[in-house]
Amino acid sequence: MKLISLDELIGNFQTYELRRSSQLKEENKRDRGLVLKALEDDRSNFDEEEIAMITRGFKKFFNKAKESTKRKNISKPRSNDRE
């Protein structure tokens, strides 16, 4: 059984951590290399104007829902207001 000093053990551990982190960075770089291209589908049933109209409708809907939620929260009495 080999005994090592605490300083040597800490040094070995730091070296291990540095090597491990650099390996993880390399793995992340390799993963980024894979890029998938989106294909344009000509079979779409909607043209750009229809998609824009639908998007505007969703935005209006969500804004109205957000406003009504705010109004409900304002109209609710707080427990501190009752005292």
C-alpha atoms as a PDB file:
ATOM      1  CA  MET A   1       0.000   0.000   0.000  1.00  0.00           C
ATOM      2  CA  LYS A   2       1.419   3.363  -1.064  1.00  0.00           C
ATOM      3  CA  LEU A   3       0.916   6.395   1.172  1.00  0.00           C
ATOM      4  CA  ILE A   4       0.791   9.886  -0.349  1.00  0.00           C
ATOM      5  CA  SER A   5       0.663  13.265   1.290  1.00  0.00           C
ATOM      6  CA  LEU A   6      -2.475  15.354   1.456  1.00  0.00           C
ATOM      7  CA  ASP A   7      -0.970  17.959  -0.880  1.00  0.00           C
ATOM      8  CA  GLU A   8      -0.153  15.283  -3.444  1.00  0.00           C
ATOM      9  CA  LEU A   9      -3.682  13.871  -3.185  1.00  0.00           C
ATOM     10  CA  ILE A  10      -5.224  17.321  -3.690  1.00  0.00           C
ATOM     11  CA  GLY A  11      -2.916  17.943  -6.658  1.00  0.00           C
ATOM     12  CA  ASN A  12      -3.896  14.626  -8.233  1.00  0.00           C
ATOM     13  CA  PHE A  13      -7.568  15.404  -7.719  1.00  0.00           C
ATOM     14  CA  GLN A  14      -7.237  18.876  -9.283  1.00  0.00           C
ATOM     15  CA  THR A  15      -5.418  17.363 -12.271  1.00  0.00           C
ATOM     16  CA  TYR A  16      -8.188  14.804 -12.657  1.00  0.00           C
ATOM     17  CA  GLU A  17     -10.876  17.535 -12.534  1.00  0.00           C
ATOM     18  CA  LEU A  18      -9.090  19.655 -15.151  1.00  0.00           C
ATOM     19  CA  ARG A  19      -8.701  16.695 -17.513  1.00  0.00           C
ATOM     20  CA  ARG A  20     -12.329  15.682 -17.003  1.00  0.00           C
ATOM     21  CA  SER A  21     -13.644  19.187 -17.682  1.00  0.00           C
ATOM     22  CA  SER A  22     -11.562  19.470 -20.857  1.00  0.00           C
ATOM     23  CA  GLN A  23     -12.874  16.069 -22.005  1.00  0.00           C
ATOM     24  CA  LEU A  24     -16.453  17.243 -21.421  1.00  0.00           C
ATOM     25  CA  LYS A  25     -15.790  20.427 -23.420  1.00  0.00           C
ATOM     26  CA  GLU A  26     -14.423  18.354 -26.295  1.00  0.00           C
ATOM     27  CA  GLU A  27     -17.486  16.105 -26.213  1.00  0.00           C
ATOM     28  CA  ASN A  28     -19.753  19.165 -26.338  1.00  0.00           C
ATOM     29  CA  LYS A  29     -17.826  20.530 -29.328  1.00  0.00           C
ATOM     30  CA  ARG A  30     -18.216  17.217 -31.160  1.00  0.00           C
ATOM     31  CA  ASP A  31     -21.955  17.160 -30.403  1.00  0.00           C
ATOM     32  CA  ARG A  32     -22.361  20.647 -31.893  1.00  0.00           C
ATOM     33  CA  GLY A  33     -20.867  19.433 -35.141  1.00  0.00           C
ATOM     34  CA  LEU A  34     -24.050  17.570 -35.988  1.00  0.00           C
ATOM     35  CA  VAL A  35     -26.447  19.983 -37.625  1.00  0.00           C
ATOM     36  CA  LEU A  36     -29.784  18.990 -39.050  1.00  0.00           C
ATOM     37  CA  LYS A  37     -31.148  20.960 -41.943  1.00  0.00           C
ATOM     38  CA  ALA A  38     -34.825  21.820 -42.095  1.00  0.00           C
ATOM     39  CA  LEU A  39     -36.483  20.944 -45.336  1.00  0.00           C
ATOM     40  CA  GLU A  40     -39.035  23.311 -46.783  1.00  0.00           C
ATOM     41  CA  ASP A  41     -42.267  21.458 -47.268  1.00  0.00           C
ATOM     42  CA  ASP A  42     -44.120  22.593 -50.367  1.00  0.00           C
ATOM     43  CA  ARG A  43     -47.212  20.648 -49.282  1.00  0.00           C
ATOM     44  CA  SER A  44     -48.199  23.231 -46.657  1.00  0.00           C
ATOM     45  CA  ASN A  45     -51.900  24.153 -46.661  1.00  0.00           C
ATOM     46  CA  PHE A  46     -51.238  27.704 -45.424  1.00  0.00           C
ATOM     47  CA  ASP A  47     -49.567  30.582 -47.187  1.00  0.00           C
ATOM     48  CA  GLU A  48     -47.596  33.292 -45.376  1.00  0.00           C
ATOM     49  CA  GLU A  49     -50.578  35.656 -45.090  1.00  0.00           C
ATOM     50  CA  GLU A  50     -52.735  32.994 -43.440  1.00  0.00           C
ATOM     51  CA  ILE A  51     -49.979  32.110 -40.989  1.00  0.00           C
ATOM     52  CA  ALA A  52     -49.521  35.806 -40.130  1.00  0.00           C
ATOM     53  CA  MET A  53     -53.283  36.178 -39.571  1.00  0.00           C
ATOM     54  CA  ILE A  54     -53.381  33.117 -37.296  1.00  0.00           C
ATOM     55  CA  THR A  55     -50.367  34.416 -35.369  1.00  0.00           C
ATOM     56  CA  ARG A  56     -52.036  37.799 -34.828  1.00  0.00           C
ATOM     57  CA  GLY A  57     -55.160  36.032 -33.597  1.00  0.00           C
ATOM     58  CA  PHE A  58     -53.164  34.031 -31.056  1.00  0.00           C
ATOM     59  CA  LYS A  59     -51.395  37.165 -29.855  1.00  0.00           C
ATOM     60  CA  LYS A  60     -54.725  38.971 -29.360  1.00  0.00           C
ATOM     61  CA  PHE A  61     -56.144  35.968 -27.525  1.00  0.00           C
ATOM     62  CA  PHE A  62     -53.190  35.695 -25.156  1.00  0.00           C
ATOM     63  CA  ASN A  63     -53.101  39.448 -24.518  1.00  0.00           C
ATOM     64  CA  LYS A  64     -56.803  39.438 -23.604  1.00  0.00           C
ATOM     65  CA  ALA A  65     -56.300  36.439 -21.320  1.00  0.00           C
ATOM     66  CA  LYS A  66     -53.336  38.168 -19.687  1.00  0.00           C
ATOM     67  CA  GLU A  67     -55.337  41.380 -19.139  1.00  0.00           C
ATOM     68  CA  SER A  68     -58.300  39.536 -17.642  1.00  0.00           C
ATOM     69  CA  THR A  69     -55.973  37.682 -15.265  1.00  0.00           C
ATOM     70  CA  LYS A  70     -54.460  40.991 -14.168  1.00  0.00           C
ATOM     71  CA  ARG A  71     -57.949  42.459 -13.589  1.00  0.00           C
ATOM     72  CA  LYS A  72     -58.961  39.447 -11.500  1.00  0.00           C
ATOM     73  CA  ASN A  73     -55.818  39.747  -9.384  1.00  0.00           C
ATOM     74  CA  ILE A  74     -56.410  43.472  -8.832  1.00  0.00           C
ATOM     75  CA  SER A  75     -60.059  43.019  -7.860  1.00  0.00           C
ATOM     76  CA  LYS A  76     -59.300  40.271  -5.305  1.00  0.00           C
ATOM     77  CA  PRO A  77     -58.946  41.711  -1.783  1.00  0.00           C
ATOM     78  CA  ARG A  78     -55.691  40.881  -0.097  1.00  0.00           C
ATOM     79  CA  SER A  79     -55.738  39.304   3.333  1.00  0.00           C
ATOM     80  CA  ASN A  80     -53.859  42.349   4.702  1.00  0.00           C
ATOM     81  CA  ASP A  81     -56.537  44.738   3.335  1.00  0.00           C
ATOM     82  CA  ARG A  82     -59.276  43.154   5.440  1.00  0.00           C
ATOM     83  CA  GLU A  83     -57.650  43.966   8.774  1.00  0.00           C
END
